[in-house]
Amino acid sequence: MDLAAARDTLAANADAIAALVRPVAGDAARWRPSADAWSILEVVCHLADEERDDFRTRVSLTLEDPMLPWPPIDPQAWVTTRAYAARDLAAALADFMAERQRSLSWLAGLADPRWDNAARHPSGFTIRAGDLMASWLAHDLLHVRQIVELLYGALADGVDPAASADAGADSGTGVRADDAPGAPKGAAADGDGRWDVRYAGEW
């Protein structure tokens, strides 16, 4: 594991997350595609708690002494027990960014970390400190993707359901969604003639 590269990637990931989240306002922060899905607000709260209670703690303990026990975590339960949905998005993002900065400062102070130190995961398998670090980086990317999908879903969900491809056929281009260059056949949602936000840029 390249410590400098990992640290630079964590910093860049945090900047990407902040850039995606800062413009989110109003109901979009709490929009979710289904009742059991997370909102952007809940994702950001999760990222802050994972930073503080999971990755930084577990990597630190494994580097220090792989025999040290890890404090228990329950990220899925935290969504309700820590009342993520009742929080403020700007405050949650500030919390995450502050925790990420603490992580970056801690990583900057490491000298010759023993990435091959291996701890026993609570699930029963053995994992090296370097693999934990890789998981930390991957975790960021999974949630960047999730945030992008939530932003897209909220945008698409806000499209006027009464708008139809036929009614707006000449809206500057005379092209319907299902006729757009590169659009797959049936691009209009559910076959109802509604234009698809995915292909608006091709009109």
C-alpha atoms as a PDB file:
ATOM      1  CA  MET A   1       0.000   0.000   0.000  1.00  0.00           C
ATOM      2  CA  ASP A   2       1.403   3.375  -1.065  1.00  0.00           C
ATOM      3  CA  LEU A   3       0.647   5.645   1.904  1.00  0.00           C
ATOM      4  CA  ALA A   4       1.086   8.933   0.028  1.00  0.00           C
ATOM      5  CA  ALA A   5      -1.146   7.784  -2.830  1.00  0.00           C
ATOM      6  CA  ALA A   6      -3.798   6.507  -0.421  1.00  0.00           C
ATOM      7  CA  ARG A   7      -3.799   9.793   1.465  1.00  0.00           C
ATOM      8  CA  ASP A   8      -4.045  11.811  -1.762  1.00  0.00           C
ATOM      9  CA  THR A   9      -6.926   9.621  -2.924  1.00  0.00           C
ATOM     10  CA  LEU A  10      -8.825  10.049   0.357  1.00  0.00           C
ATOM     11  CA  ALA A  11      -8.406  13.814   0.046  1.00  0.00           C
ATOM     12  CA  ALA A  12      -9.598  13.818  -3.581  1.00  0.00           C
ATOM     13  CA  ASN A  13     -12.559  11.574  -2.754  1.00  0.00           C
ATOM     14  CA  ALA A  14     -13.662  13.914   0.030  1.00  0.00           C
ATOM     15  CA  ASP A  15     -13.481  16.865  -2.354  1.00  0.00           C
ATOM     16  CA  ALA A  16     -15.582  14.964  -4.902  1.00  0.00           C
ATOM     17  CA  ILE A  17     -18.197  14.080  -2.292  1.00  0.00           C
ATOM     18  CA  ALA A  18     -18.358  17.676  -1.067  1.00  0.00           C
ATOM     19  CA  ALA A  19     -18.675  19.008  -4.628  1.00  0.00           C
ATOM     20  CA  LEU A  20     -21.630  16.694  -5.285  1.00  0.00           C
ATOM     21  CA  VAL A  21     -23.392  17.337  -1.976  1.00  0.00           C
ATOM     22  CA  ARG A  22     -22.952  21.085  -1.346  1.00  0.00           C
ATOM     23  CA  PRO A  23     -25.464  22.221  -4.011  1.00  0.00           C
ATOM     24  CA  VAL A  24     -28.175  19.844  -2.727  1.00  0.00           C
ATOM     25  CA  ALA A  25     -31.011  21.759  -1.112  1.00  0.00           C
ATOM     26  CA  GLY A  26     -34.525  21.282   0.178  1.00  0.00           C
ATOM     27  CA  ASP A  27     -36.318  17.980  -0.315  1.00  0.00           C
ATOM     28  CA  ALA A  28     -33.525  16.604  -2.509  1.00  0.00           C
ATOM     29  CA  ALA A  29     -31.425  15.938   0.607  1.00  0.00           C
ATOM     30  CA  ARG A  30     -34.057  13.497   1.888  1.00  0.00           C
ATOM     31  CA  TRP A  31     -35.272  12.070  -1.426  1.00  0.00           C
ATOM     32  CA  ARG A  32     -34.986   8.303  -1.638  1.00  0.00           C
ATOM     33  CA  PRO A  33     -35.959   5.932  -4.459  1.00  0.00           C
ATOM     34  CA  SER A  34     -37.768   3.577  -2.075  1.00  0.00           C
ATOM     35  CA  ALA A  35     -38.801   3.370   1.563  1.00  0.00           C
ATOM     36  CA  ASP A  36     -35.866   1.139   2.512  1.00  0.00           C
ATOM     37  CA  ALA A  37     -33.220   3.087   0.564  1.00  0.00           C
ATOM     38  CA  TRP A  38     -30.948   5.789   1.947  1.00  0.00           C
ATOM     39  CA  SER A  39     -31.161   9.466   1.123  1.00  0.00           C
ATOM     40  CA  ILE A  40     -28.173  11.703   0.377  1.00  0.00           C
ATOM     41  CA  LEU A  41     -28.413  13.039   3.927  1.00  0.00           C
ATOM     42  CA  GLU A  42     -28.228   9.520   5.351  1.00  0.00           C
ATOM     43  CA  VAL A  43     -25.299   8.622   3.101  1.00  0.00           C
ATOM     44  CA  VAL A  44     -23.312  11.635   4.291  1.00  0.00           C
ATOM     45  CA  CYS A  45     -24.079  10.877   7.952  1.00  0.00           C
ATOM     46  CA  HIS A  46     -22.953   7.304   7.315  1.00  0.00           C
ATOM     47  CA  LEU A  47     -19.696   8.499   5.758  1.00  0.00           C
ATOM     48  CA  ALA A  48     -18.896  10.634   8.814  1.00  0.00           C
ATOM     49  CA  ASP A  49     -19.572   7.791  11.247  1.00  0.00           C
ATOM     50  CA  GLU A  50     -17.637   5.284   9.162  1.00  0.00           C
ATOM     51  CA  GLU A  51     -14.689   7.677   9.103  1.00  0.00           C
ATOM     52  CA  ARG A  52     -14.743   8.133  12.860  1.00  0.00           C
ATOM     53  CA  ASP A  53     -15.869   4.763  14.205  1.00  0.00           C
ATOM     54  CA  ASP A  54     -14.851   2.267  11.547  1.00  0.00           C
ATOM     55  CA  PHE A  55     -12.030   2.768   9.061  1.00  0.00           C
ATOM     56  CA  ARG A  56      -9.682   5.107  10.904  1.00  0.00           C
ATOM     57  CA  THR A  57     -10.155   3.187  14.150  1.00  0.00           C
ATOM     58  CA  ARG A  58      -9.686  -0.262  12.615  1.00  0.00           C
ATOM     59  CA  VAL A  59      -6.691   0.654  10.477  1.00  0.00           C
ATOM     60  CA  SER A  60      -5.059   2.357  13.467  1.00  0.00           C
ATOM     61  CA  LEU A  61      -5.611  -0.595  15.797  1.00  0.00           C
ATOM     62  CA  THR A  62      -4.367  -3.101  13.227  1.00  0.00           C
ATOM     63  CA  LEU A  63      -1.205  -1.112  12.588  1.00  0.00           C
ATOM     64  CA  GLU A  64      -0.598  -0.643  16.309  1.00  0.00           C
ATOM     65  CA  ASP A  65      -1.270  -4.226  17.379  1.00  0.00           C
ATOM     66  CA  PRO A  66      -3.345  -6.653  15.282  1.00  0.00           C
ATOM     67  CA  MET A  67      -4.344  -8.497  18.448  1.00  0.00           C
ATOM     68  CA  LEU A  68      -6.242  -5.478  19.793  1.00  0.00           C
ATOM     69  CA  PRO A  69     -10.037  -5.939  19.593  1.00  0.00           C
ATOM     70  CA  TRP A  70     -12.046  -3.673  17.336  1.00  0.00           C
ATOM     71  CA  PRO A  71     -14.941  -1.725  18.883  1.00  0.00           C
ATOM     72  CA  PRO A  72     -18.256  -3.073  17.556  1.00  0.00           C
ATOM     73  CA  ILE A  73     -20.054  -1.159  14.813  1.00  0.00           C
ATOM     74  CA  ASP A  74     -23.553  -1.352  13.315  1.00  0.00           C
ATOM     75  CA  PRO A  75     -23.766   1.044  10.346  1.00  0.00           C
ATOM     76  CA  GLN A  76     -27.206  -0.172   9.260  1.00  0.00           C
ATOM     77  CA  ALA A  77     -28.706   0.387  12.709  1.00  0.00           C
ATOM     78  CA  TRP A  78     -27.038   3.778  13.094  1.00  0.00           C
ATOM     79  CA  VAL A  79     -29.330   5.172  10.411  1.00  0.00           C
ATOM     80  CA  THR A  80     -32.210   5.001  12.894  1.00  0.00           C
ATOM     81  CA  THR A  81     -30.472   4.894  16.288  1.00  0.00           C
ATOM     82  CA  ARG A  82     -28.475   7.997  15.436  1.00  0.00           C
ATOM     83  CA  ALA A  83     -31.443   9.674  13.706  1.00  0.00           C
ATOM     84  CA  TYR A  84     -29.711  10.475  10.442  1.00  0.00           C
ATOM     85  CA  ALA A  85     -32.902  11.631   8.733  1.00  0.00           C
ATOM     86  CA  ALA A  86     -33.473  14.331  11.358  1.00  0.00           C
ATOM     87  CA  ARG A  87     -30.112  15.969  10.775  1.00  0.00           C
ATOM     88  CA  ASP A  88     -29.066  18.935   8.654  1.00  0.00           C
ATOM     89  CA  LEU A  89     -27.202  18.135   5.435  1.00  0.00           C
ATOM     90  CA  ALA A  90     -24.714  21.005   5.671  1.00  0.00           C
ATOM     91  CA  ALA A  91     -23.841  20.049   9.236  1.00  0.00           C
ATOM     92  CA  ALA A  92     -23.491  16.376   8.283  1.00  0.00           C
ATOM     93  CA  LEU A  93     -21.162  17.264   5.411  1.00  0.00           C
ATOM     94  CA  ALA A  94     -19.083  19.507   7.687  1.00  0.00           C
ATOM     95  CA  ASP A  95     -18.838  16.623  10.160  1.00  0.00           C
ATOM     96  CA  PHE A  96     -17.621  14.250   7.449  1.00  0.00           C
ATOM     97  CA  MET A  97     -15.089  16.738   6.093  1.00  0.00           C
ATOM     98  CA  ALA A  98     -13.729  17.409   9.593  1.00  0.00           C
ATOM     99  CA  GLU A  99     -13.371  13.690  10.260  1.00  0.00           C
ATOM    100  CA  ARG A 100     -11.678  13.163   6.898  1.00  0.00           C
ATOM    101  CA  GLN A 101      -9.212  15.923   7.750  1.00  0.00           C
ATOM    102  CA  ARG A 102      -8.455  14.175  11.060  1.00  0.00           C
ATOM    103  CA  SER A 103      -7.820  10.982   9.093  1.00  0.00           C
ATOM    104  CA  LEU A 104      -5.501  12.752   6.661  1.00  0.00           C
ATOM    105  CA  SER A 105      -3.560  14.344   9.512  1.00  0.00           C
ATOM    106  CA  TRP A 106      -3.231  10.986  11.233  1.00  0.00           C
ATOM    107  CA  LEU A 107      -2.045   9.288   8.041  1.00  0.00           C
ATOM    108  CA  ALA A 108       0.488  12.063   7.444  1.00  0.00           C
ATOM    109  CA  GLY A 109       2.049  11.237  10.806  1.00  0.00           C
ATOM    110  CA  LEU A 110       2.546   7.537  10.126  1.00  0.00           C
ATOM    111  CA  ALA A 111       6.110   6.356   9.734  1.00  0.00           C
ATOM    112  CA  ASP A 112       6.731   3.068   7.931  1.00  0.00           C
ATOM    113  CA  PRO A 113       3.287   1.562   8.609  1.00  0.00           C
ATOM    114  CA  ARG A 114       3.149  -2.233   8.761  1.00  0.00           C
ATOM    115  CA  TRP A 115       0.545  -2.857   6.089  1.00  0.00           C
ATOM    116  CA  ASP A 116       1.007  -6.628   6.413  1.00  0.00           C
ATOM    117  CA  ASN A 117      -0.236  -6.640  10.016  1.00  0.00           C
ATOM    118  CA  ALA A 118      -3.297  -8.896   9.980  1.00  0.00           C
ATOM    119  CA  ALA A 119      -6.232  -8.708  12.364  1.00  0.00           C
ATOM    120  CA  ARG A 120      -9.142 -11.059  12.937  1.00  0.00           C
ATOM    121  CA  HIS A 121     -12.295  -9.517  11.495  1.00  0.00           C
ATOM    122  CA  PRO A 122     -15.460  -9.910  13.648  1.00  0.00           C
ATOM    123  CA  SER A 123     -16.960 -11.914  10.776  1.00  0.00           C
ATOM    124  CA  GLY A 124     -14.243 -14.540  11.257  1.00  0.00           C
ATOM    125  CA  PHE A 125     -11.728 -13.924   8.485  1.00  0.00           C
ATOM    126  CA  THR A 126      -8.248 -12.403   8.679  1.00  0.00           C
ATOM    127  CA  ILE A 127      -7.582  -9.057   7.012  1.00  0.00           C
ATOM    128  CA  ARG A 128      -4.374  -7.069   6.615  1.00  0.00           C
ATOM    129  CA  ALA A 129      -4.026  -3.384   7.424  1.00  0.00           C
ATOM    130  CA  GLY A 130      -3.277  -2.699   3.753  1.00  0.00           C
ATOM    131  CA  ASP A 131      -6.475  -4.442   2.703  1.00  0.00           C
ATOM    132  CA  LEU A 132      -8.422  -2.361   5.231  1.00  0.00           C
ATOM    133  CA  MET A 133      -6.900   0.731   3.664  1.00  0.00           C
ATOM    134  CA  ALA A 134      -7.963  -0.449   0.204  1.00  0.00           C
ATOM    135  CA  SER A 135     -11.469  -1.070   1.556  1.00  0.00           C
ATOM    136  CA  TRP A 136     -11.547   2.489   2.896  1.00  0.00           C
ATOM    137  CA  LEU A 137     -10.754   3.865  -0.564  1.00  0.00           C
ATOM    138  CA  ALA A 138     -13.298   1.553  -2.214  1.00  0.00           C
ATOM    139  CA  HIS A 139     -15.958   2.537   0.327  1.00  0.00           C
ATOM    140  CA  ASP A 140     -15.605   6.173  -0.750  1.00  0.00           C
ATOM    141  CA  LEU A 141     -16.099   5.255  -4.391  1.00  0.00           C
ATOM    142  CA  LEU A 142     -19.154   3.113  -3.705  1.00  0.00           C
ATOM    143  CA  HIS A 143     -20.824   6.039  -1.981  1.00  0.00           C
ATOM    144  CA  VAL A 144     -19.750   8.541  -4.640  1.00  0.00           C
ATOM    145  CA  ARG A 145     -21.591   6.306  -7.101  1.00  0.00           C
ATOM    146  CA  GLN A 146     -24.579   6.101  -4.747  1.00  0.00           C
ATOM    147  CA  ILE A 147     -24.732   9.889  -4.362  1.00  0.00           C
ATOM    148  CA  VAL A 148     -24.607  10.338  -8.146  1.00  0.00           C
ATOM    149  CA  GLU A 149     -27.437   7.820  -8.563  1.00  0.00           C
ATOM    150  CA  LEU A 150     -29.512   9.599  -5.902  1.00  0.00           C
ATOM    151  CA  LEU A 151     -28.936  12.968  -7.552  1.00  0.00           C
ATOM    152  CA  TYR A 152     -29.953  11.500 -10.894  1.00  0.00           C
ATOM    153  CA  GLY A 153     -32.998   9.784  -9.400  1.00  0.00           C
ATOM    154  CA  ALA A 154     -34.214  12.928  -7.685  1.00  0.00           C
ATOM    155  CA  LEU A 155     -33.792  14.889 -10.903  1.00  0.00           C
ATOM    156  CA  ALA A 156     -35.605  12.316 -13.003  1.00  0.00           C
ATOM    157  CA  ASP A 157     -38.339  11.982 -10.378  1.00  0.00           C
ATOM    158  CA  GLY A 158     -38.985  15.697 -10.648  1.00  0.00           C
ATOM    159  CA  VAL A 159     -39.756  15.569 -14.366  1.00  0.00           C
ATOM    160  CA  ASP A 160     -43.354  16.547 -15.099  1.00  0.00           C
ATOM    161  CA  PRO A 161     -45.184  13.224 -15.676  1.00  0.00           C
ATOM    162  CA  ALA A 162     -47.616  15.017 -17.969  1.00  0.00           C
ATOM    163  CA  ALA A 163     -44.809  15.969 -20.354  1.00  0.00           C
ATOM    164  CA  SER A 164     -44.913  13.735 -23.404  1.00  0.00           C
ATOM    165  CA  ALA A 165     -42.605  13.279 -26.329  1.00  0.00           C
ATOM    166  CA  ASP A 166     -45.433  13.999 -28.758  1.00  0.00           C
ATOM    167  CA  ALA A 167     -46.475  17.223 -27.055  1.00  0.00           C
ATOM    168  CA  GLY A 168     -42.944  18.595 -27.078  1.00  0.00           C
ATOM    169  CA  ALA A 169     -41.753  16.966 -30.254  1.00  0.00           C
ATOM    170  CA  ASP A 170     -40.331  20.120 -31.785  1.00  0.00           C
ATOM    171  CA  SER A 171     -38.934  21.629 -28.553  1.00  0.00           C
ATOM    172  CA  GLY A 172     -36.066  23.204 -30.422  1.00  0.00           C
ATOM    173  CA  THR A 173     -35.029  20.041 -32.226  1.00  0.00           C
ATOM    174  CA  GLY A 174     -38.106  18.101 -33.293  1.00  0.00           C
ATOM    175  CA  VAL A 175     -36.621  14.931 -31.788  1.00  0.00           C
ATOM    176  CA  ARG A 176     -38.410  12.601 -29.428  1.00  0.00           C
ATOM    177  CA  ALA A 177     -36.582  10.618 -26.753  1.00  0.00           C
ATOM    178  CA  ASP A 178     -37.055   7.337 -28.562  1.00  0.00           C
ATOM    179  CA  ASP A 179     -35.730   8.865 -31.794  1.00  0.00           C
ATOM    180  CA  ALA A 180     -32.684  10.524 -30.230  1.00  0.00           C
ATOM    181  CA  PRO A 181     -29.324   9.555 -31.764  1.00  0.00           C
ATOM    182  CA  GLY A 182     -27.841   6.770 -29.694  1.00  0.00           C
ATOM    183  CA  ALA A 183     -30.959   6.296 -27.591  1.00  0.00           C
ATOM    184  CA  PRO A 184     -32.111   2.700 -27.232  1.00  0.00           C
ATOM    185  CA  LYS A 185     -35.497   1.799 -28.670  1.00  0.00           C
ATOM    186  CA  GLY A 186     -38.169   2.587 -26.120  1.00  0.00           C
ATOM    187  CA  ALA A 187     -36.148   5.246 -24.296  1.00  0.00           C
ATOM    188  CA  ALA A 188     -39.390   6.967 -23.349  1.00  0.00           C
ATOM    189  CA  ALA A 189     -40.292   5.787 -19.852  1.00  0.00           C
ATOM    190  CA  ASP A 190     -42.616   2.793 -19.570  1.00  0.00           C
ATOM    191  CA  GLY A 191     -43.754   3.147 -23.166  1.00  0.00           C
ATOM    192  CA  ASP A 192     -45.957   6.124 -22.287  1.00  0.00           C
ATOM    193  CA  GLY A 193     -44.260   8.586 -24.616  1.00  0.00           C
ATOM    194  CA  ARG A 194     -42.721  10.496 -21.726  1.00  0.00           C
ATOM    195  CA  TRP A 195     -39.304  11.912 -22.576  1.00  0.00           C
ATOM    196  CA  ASP A 196     -36.353  10.464 -20.717  1.00  0.00           C
ATOM    197  CA  VAL A 197     -34.066  12.858 -18.860  1.00  0.00           C
ATOM    198  CA  ARG A 198     -31.098  10.638 -19.750  1.00  0.00           C
ATOM    199  CA  TYR A 199     -31.240  11.640 -23.397  1.00  0.00           C
ATOM    200  CA  ALA A 200     -32.220  15.296 -23.158  1.00  0.00           C
ATOM    201  CA  GLY A 201     -28.653  16.361 -23.953  1.00  0.00           C
ATOM    202  CA  GLU A 202     -28.842  14.597 -27.322  1.00  0.00           C
ATOM    203  CA  TRP A 203     -31.864  16.531 -28.547  1.00  0.00           C
END
